[in-house]
Amino acid sequence: MFYPFLNYKTLSFPLLLVLLCFSPMAHSKQTEIEIPDHALLNTNYSIGEIDSIYLNLGEFYRNLGNFNSSTKCFYEGLSWSEDRGLDSLKARYLTNIGINNSRFKNFQKSKDLYNQALAIYTNLNDTLRQSFLLNNLSLIYRNQKQFDKALKYYNQATAVKRKLGLSGSRLNQNS
């Protein structure tokens, strides 16, 4: 369900996001909000705004428990970010798709997605996000009762966070 009667060329970004996330149909697990196509978004909104549409809709659906729609939004964002060579955003979508797969115990798929994102963040020298992914990998191995691997990834994540000067509750934060 999308609003075909609206002129998206003149619609402000905040209003678009409100319409997408807070329409009565959006709260139904039976209904999916149709995301505007990439071409329409590219002509009317900034990269940050387009990223927010995909990311916020994906989070919105995840919070409703509608993981299929959430994952679809993240895959749309992934495709959009890949088309534009936006590696940091690509890694974020890979991570979110991995989180959704983890919720359904699709651990191998999650590991593959996390490792792809980890490679990107390593290439970008984004050590904070590397630590989050290392922690996510440790959680997967813990859930699979592979405690040696879980501890290995947890220790790597903790070492990176300590290097960054994170301590206390921030040290154990997950992505």
C-alpha atoms as a PDB file:
ATOM      1  CA  MET A   1       0.000   0.000   0.000  1.00  0.00           C
ATOM      2  CA  PHE A   2       1.415   3.307  -1.022  1.00  0.00           C
ATOM      3  CA  TYR A   3      -0.219   6.660  -1.534  1.00  0.00           C
ATOM      4  CA  PRO A   4      -0.458   7.060  -5.330  1.00  0.00           C
ATOM      5  CA  PHE A   5      -2.445  10.295  -5.028  1.00  0.00           C
ATOM      6  CA  LEU A   6       0.452  12.127  -3.383  1.00  0.00           C
ATOM      7  CA  ASN A   7       3.004  14.099  -5.330  1.00  0.00           C
ATOM      8  CA  TYR A   8       6.310  12.816  -3.980  1.00  0.00           C
ATOM      9  CA  LYS A   9       8.235  15.509  -5.815  1.00  0.00           C
ATOM     10  CA  THR A  10       6.831  18.124  -3.444  1.00  0.00           C
ATOM     11  CA  LEU A  11       6.365  15.999  -0.322  1.00  0.00           C
ATOM     12  CA  SER A  12       8.850  16.772   2.435  1.00  0.00           C
ATOM     13  CA  PHE A  13      10.956  13.898   3.711  1.00  0.00           C
ATOM     14  CA  PRO A  14       9.636  14.020   7.314  1.00  0.00           C
ATOM     15  CA  LEU A  15       6.061  13.861   6.053  1.00  0.00           C
ATOM     16  CA  LEU A  16       6.887  10.944   3.756  1.00  0.00           C
ATOM     17  CA  LEU A  17       8.411   9.001   6.653  1.00  0.00           C
ATOM     18  CA  VAL A  18       5.391   9.710   8.865  1.00  0.00           C
ATOM     19  CA  LEU A  19       3.014   8.547   6.146  1.00  0.00           C
ATOM     20  CA  LEU A  20       5.001   5.370   5.560  1.00  0.00           C
ATOM     21  CA  CYS A  21       5.437   4.397   9.210  1.00  0.00           C
ATOM     22  CA  PHE A  22       2.334   5.660  10.905  1.00  0.00           C
ATOM     23  CA  SER A  23      -0.473   4.960   8.501  1.00  0.00           C
ATOM     24  CA  PRO A  24      -3.122   2.645   9.999  1.00  0.00           C
ATOM     25  CA  MET A  25      -2.271  -0.034   7.440  1.00  0.00           C
ATOM     26  CA  ALA A  26       1.377   0.008   8.492  1.00  0.00           C
ATOM     27  CA  HIS A  27       0.459  -1.417  11.889  1.00  0.00           C
ATOM     28  CA  SER A  28      -1.197  -4.481  10.409  1.00  0.00           C
ATOM     29  CA  LYS A  29       1.011  -7.530  10.102  1.00  0.00           C
ATOM     30  CA  GLN A  30      -1.135  -8.472   7.105  1.00  0.00           C
ATOM     31  CA  THR A  31      -0.280  -5.358   5.115  1.00  0.00           C
ATOM     32  CA  GLU A  32       2.986  -4.221   3.663  1.00  0.00           C
ATOM     33  CA  ILE A  33       3.811  -0.663   2.814  1.00  0.00           C
ATOM     34  CA  GLU A  34       5.024  -0.390  -0.739  1.00  0.00           C
ATOM     35  CA  ILE A  35       8.341   1.388  -0.835  1.00  0.00           C
ATOM     36  CA  PRO A  36       8.668   4.009  -3.582  1.00  0.00           C
ATOM     37  CA  ASP A  37      10.955   2.841  -6.378  1.00  0.00           C
ATOM     38  CA  HIS A  38      14.610   3.862  -6.404  1.00  0.00           C
ATOM     39  CA  ALA A  39      14.239   6.279  -9.319  1.00  0.00           C
ATOM     40  CA  LEU A  40      11.498   8.257  -7.562  1.00  0.00           C
ATOM     41  CA  LEU A  41      13.476   8.411  -4.339  1.00  0.00           C
ATOM     42  CA  ASN A  42      16.695   9.408  -6.107  1.00  0.00           C
ATOM     43  CA  THR A  43      15.138  12.418  -7.760  1.00  0.00           C
ATOM     44  CA  ASN A  44      13.501  13.844  -4.680  1.00  0.00           C
ATOM     45  CA  TYR A  45      15.530  13.003  -1.590  1.00  0.00           C
ATOM     46  CA  SER A  46      19.110  13.103  -0.347  1.00  0.00           C
ATOM     47  CA  ILE A  47      21.196   9.983   0.266  1.00  0.00           C
ATOM     48  CA  GLY A  48      20.642  10.349   4.017  1.00  0.00           C
ATOM     49  CA  GLU A  49      16.887  10.655   3.582  1.00  0.00           C
ATOM     50  CA  ILE A  50      16.666   7.632   1.286  1.00  0.00           C
ATOM     51  CA  ASP A  51      18.791   5.602   3.692  1.00  0.00           C
ATOM     52  CA  SER A  52      16.461   6.654   6.522  1.00  0.00           C
ATOM     53  CA  ILE A  53      13.416   5.449   4.594  1.00  0.00           C
ATOM     54  CA  TYR A  54      14.803   1.941   4.112  1.00  0.00           C
ATOM     55  CA  LEU A  55      16.405   1.710   7.543  1.00  0.00           C
ATOM     56  CA  ASN A  56      13.469   3.132   9.520  1.00  0.00           C
ATOM     57  CA  LEU A  57      10.905   1.029   7.688  1.00  0.00           C
ATOM     58  CA  GLY A  58      13.018  -2.067   8.283  1.00  0.00           C
ATOM     59  CA  GLU A  59      13.330  -1.242  11.983  1.00  0.00           C
ATOM     60  CA  PHE A  60       9.641  -0.364  12.168  1.00  0.00           C
ATOM     61  CA  TYR A  61       8.615  -3.752  10.765  1.00  0.00           C
ATOM     62  CA  ARG A  62      11.141  -5.573  12.960  1.00  0.00           C
ATOM     63  CA  ASN A  63       9.648  -3.892  16.050  1.00  0.00           C
ATOM     64  CA  LEU A  64       6.187  -5.027  14.911  1.00  0.00           C
ATOM     65  CA  GLY A  65       7.489  -8.578  14.597  1.00  0.00           C
ATOM     66  CA  ASN A  66       7.030  -8.545  10.819  1.00  0.00           C
ATOM     67  CA  PHE A  67      10.466  -9.886   9.923  1.00  0.00           C
ATOM     68  CA  ASN A  68       9.636 -10.669   6.291  1.00  0.00           C
ATOM     69  CA  SER A  69       8.704  -7.047   5.580  1.00  0.00           C
ATOM     70  CA  SER A  70      11.654  -5.850   7.651  1.00  0.00           C
ATOM     71  CA  THR A  71      14.077  -8.000   5.693  1.00  0.00           C
ATOM     72  CA  LYS A  72      12.513  -6.872   2.412  1.00  0.00           C
ATOM     73  CA  CYS A  73      13.121  -3.215   3.360  1.00  0.00           C
ATOM     74  CA  PHE A  74      16.733  -3.982   4.275  1.00  0.00           C
ATOM     75  CA  TYR A  75      17.270  -5.843   0.980  1.00  0.00           C
ATOM     76  CA  GLU A  76      15.829  -2.851  -0.895  1.00  0.00           C
ATOM     77  CA  GLY A  77      18.272  -0.607   0.956  1.00  0.00           C
ATOM     78  CA  LEU A  78      21.091  -3.042   0.238  1.00  0.00           C
ATOM     79  CA  SER A  79      20.326  -3.002  -3.474  1.00  0.00           C
ATOM     80  CA  TRP A  80      20.075   0.788  -3.490  1.00  0.00           C
ATOM     81  CA  SER A  81      23.377   1.208  -1.599  1.00  0.00           C
ATOM     82  CA  GLU A  82      25.163  -1.304  -3.859  1.00  0.00           C
ATOM     83  CA  ASP A  83      23.941   0.545  -6.966  1.00  0.00           C
ATOM     84  CA  ARG A  84      25.572   3.715  -5.639  1.00  0.00           C
ATOM     85  CA  GLY A  85      28.741   2.192  -4.204  1.00  0.00           C
ATOM     86  CA  LEU A  86      27.879   3.300  -0.665  1.00  0.00           C
ATOM     87  CA  ASP A  87      29.915   0.706   1.207  1.00  0.00           C
ATOM     88  CA  SER A  88      29.214   1.902   4.742  1.00  0.00           C
ATOM     89  CA  LEU A  89      25.464   1.801   4.131  1.00  0.00           C
ATOM     90  CA  LYS A  90      25.777  -1.563   2.387  1.00  0.00           C
ATOM     91  CA  ALA A  91      27.478  -2.962   5.491  1.00  0.00           C
ATOM     92  CA  ARG A  92      24.718  -1.592   7.706  1.00  0.00           C
ATOM     93  CA  TYR A  93      22.020  -3.299   5.614  1.00  0.00           C
ATOM     94  CA  LEU A  94      23.981  -6.559   5.590  1.00  0.00           C
ATOM     95  CA  THR A  95      24.190  -6.332   9.393  1.00  0.00           C
ATOM     96  CA  ASN A  96      20.453  -5.730   9.757  1.00  0.00           C
ATOM     97  CA  ILE A  97      19.588  -8.609   7.440  1.00  0.00           C
ATOM     98  CA  GLY A  98      21.960 -10.742   9.518  1.00  0.00           C
ATOM     99  CA  ILE A  99      20.184  -9.706  12.720  1.00  0.00           C
ATOM    100  CA  ASN A 100      16.836 -10.747  11.228  1.00  0.00           C
ATOM    101  CA  ASN A 101      18.259 -14.084  10.129  1.00  0.00           C
ATOM    102  CA  SER A 102      19.668 -14.636  13.610  1.00  0.00           C
ATOM    103  CA  ARG A 103      16.218 -14.214  15.111  1.00  0.00           C
ATOM    104  CA  PHE A 104      15.070 -17.221  13.072  1.00  0.00           C
ATOM    105  CA  LYS A 105      18.184 -19.221  13.918  1.00  0.00           C
ATOM    106  CA  ASN A 106      19.482 -18.987  10.332  1.00  0.00           C
ATOM    107  CA  PHE A 107      22.920 -18.803  11.852  1.00  0.00           C
ATOM    108  CA  GLN A 108      24.968 -19.710   8.782  1.00  0.00           C
ATOM    109  CA  LYS A 109      23.253 -16.997   6.733  1.00  0.00           C
ATOM    110  CA  SER A 110      23.800 -14.521   9.593  1.00  0.00           C
ATOM    111  CA  LYS A 111      27.483 -15.421   9.818  1.00  0.00           C
ATOM    112  CA  ASP A 112      27.899 -14.939   6.064  1.00  0.00           C
ATOM    113  CA  LEU A 113      26.184 -11.541   6.182  1.00  0.00           C
ATOM    114  CA  TYR A 114      28.117 -10.425   9.266  1.00  0.00           C
ATOM    115  CA  ASN A 115      31.411 -11.482   7.682  1.00  0.00           C
ATOM    116  CA  GLN A 116      30.608  -9.512   4.520  1.00  0.00           C
ATOM    117  CA  ALA A 117      29.811  -6.446   6.633  1.00  0.00           C
ATOM    118  CA  LEU A 118      32.909  -7.015   8.770  1.00  0.00           C
ATOM    119  CA  ALA A 119      35.115  -7.042   5.655  1.00  0.00           C
ATOM    120  CA  ILE A 120      33.621  -3.726   4.538  1.00  0.00           C
ATOM    121  CA  TYR A 121      34.034  -2.087   7.942  1.00  0.00           C
ATOM    122  CA  THR A 122      37.599  -3.405   8.149  1.00  0.00           C
ATOM    123  CA  ASN A 123      38.338  -1.888   4.739  1.00  0.00           C
ATOM    124  CA  LEU A 124      36.804   1.409   5.929  1.00  0.00           C
ATOM    125  CA  ASN A 125      38.739   1.260   9.227  1.00  0.00           C
ATOM    126  CA  ASP A 126      35.481   1.525  11.162  1.00  0.00           C
ATOM    127  CA  THR A 127      36.693  -0.239  14.283  1.00  0.00           C
ATOM    128  CA  LEU A 128      33.597   0.468  16.376  1.00  0.00           C
ATOM    129  CA  ARG A 129      31.310  -1.314  13.933  1.00  0.00           C
ATOM    130  CA  GLN A 130      33.879  -4.076  13.544  1.00  0.00           C
ATOM    131  CA  SER A 131      33.612  -4.664  17.288  1.00  0.00           C
ATOM    132  CA  PHE A 132      29.815  -4.830  17.093  1.00  0.00           C
ATOM    133  CA  LEU A 133      29.996  -7.454  14.361  1.00  0.00           C
ATOM    134  CA  LEU A 134      32.608  -9.464  16.243  1.00  0.00           C
ATOM    135  CA  ASN A 135      30.257  -9.412  19.218  1.00  0.00           C
ATOM    136  CA  ASN A 136      27.327 -10.506  17.017  1.00  0.00           C
ATOM    137  CA  LEU A 137      29.420 -13.391  15.717  1.00  0.00           C
ATOM    138  CA  SER A 138      30.255 -14.389  19.292  1.00  0.00           C
ATOM    139  CA  LEU A 139      26.536 -14.492  20.098  1.00  0.00           C
ATOM    140  CA  ILE A 140      25.851 -16.769  17.145  1.00  0.00           C
ATOM    141  CA  TYR A 141      28.586 -19.180  18.191  1.00  0.00           C
ATOM    142  CA  ARG A 142      27.299 -19.114  21.767  1.00  0.00           C
ATOM    143  CA  ASN A 143      23.792 -19.971  20.511  1.00  0.00           C
ATOM    144  CA  GLN A 144      25.303 -22.839  18.547  1.00  0.00           C
ATOM    145  CA  LYS A 145      27.103 -23.990  21.720  1.00  0.00           C
ATOM    146  CA  GLN A 146      30.501 -23.462  20.043  1.00  0.00           C
ATOM    147  CA  PHE A 147      31.869 -21.803  23.137  1.00  0.00           C
ATOM    148  CA  ASP A 148      35.540 -21.684  22.088  1.00  0.00           C
ATOM    149  CA  LYS A 149      34.659 -19.713  18.943  1.00  0.00           C
ATOM    150  CA  ALA A 150      32.198 -17.568  20.880  1.00  0.00           C
ATOM    151  CA  LEU A 151      34.896 -16.638  23.383  1.00  0.00           C
ATOM    152  CA  LYS A 152      37.400 -15.932  20.600  1.00  0.00           C
ATOM    153  CA  TYR A 153      35.064 -13.422  18.903  1.00  0.00           C
ATOM    154  CA  TYR A 154      33.952 -11.921  22.209  1.00  0.00           C
ATOM    155  CA  ASN A 155      37.562 -11.319  23.237  1.00  0.00           C
ATOM    156  CA  GLN A 156      38.326  -9.719  19.866  1.00  0.00           C
ATOM    157  CA  ALA A 157      35.302  -7.431  20.203  1.00  0.00           C
ATOM    158  CA  THR A 158      36.247  -6.494  23.763  1.00  0.00           C
ATOM    159  CA  ALA A 159      39.864  -5.753  22.799  1.00  0.00           C
ATOM    160  CA  VAL A 160      38.722  -3.426  19.995  1.00  0.00           C
ATOM    161  CA  LYS A 161      36.290  -1.625  22.293  1.00  0.00           C
ATOM    162  CA  ARG A 162      38.983  -1.159  24.936  1.00  0.00           C
ATOM    163  CA  LYS A 163      41.306   0.317  22.296  1.00  0.00           C
ATOM    164  CA  LEU A 164      38.536   2.776  21.490  1.00  0.00           C
ATOM    165  CA  GLY A 165      38.285   3.724  25.145  1.00  0.00           C
ATOM    166  CA  LEU A 166      34.876   2.187  25.740  1.00  0.00           C
ATOM    167  CA  SER A 167      34.229   0.793  29.179  1.00  0.00           C
ATOM    168  CA  GLY A 168      31.451  -0.347  31.473  1.00  0.00           C
ATOM    169  CA  SER A 169      28.056  -0.934  29.913  1.00  0.00           C
ATOM    170  CA  ARG A 170      29.232   0.619  26.622  1.00  0.00           C
ATOM    171  CA  LEU A 171      31.867  -2.095  26.387  1.00  0.00           C
ATOM    172  CA  ASN A 172      29.223  -4.798  26.106  1.00  0.00           C
ATOM    173  CA  GLN A 173      26.849  -2.985  23.775  1.00  0.00           C
ATOM    174  CA  ASN A 174      25.751  -4.846  20.732  1.00  0.00           C
ATOM    175  CA  SER A 175      24.960  -3.433  17.313  1.00  0.00           C
END
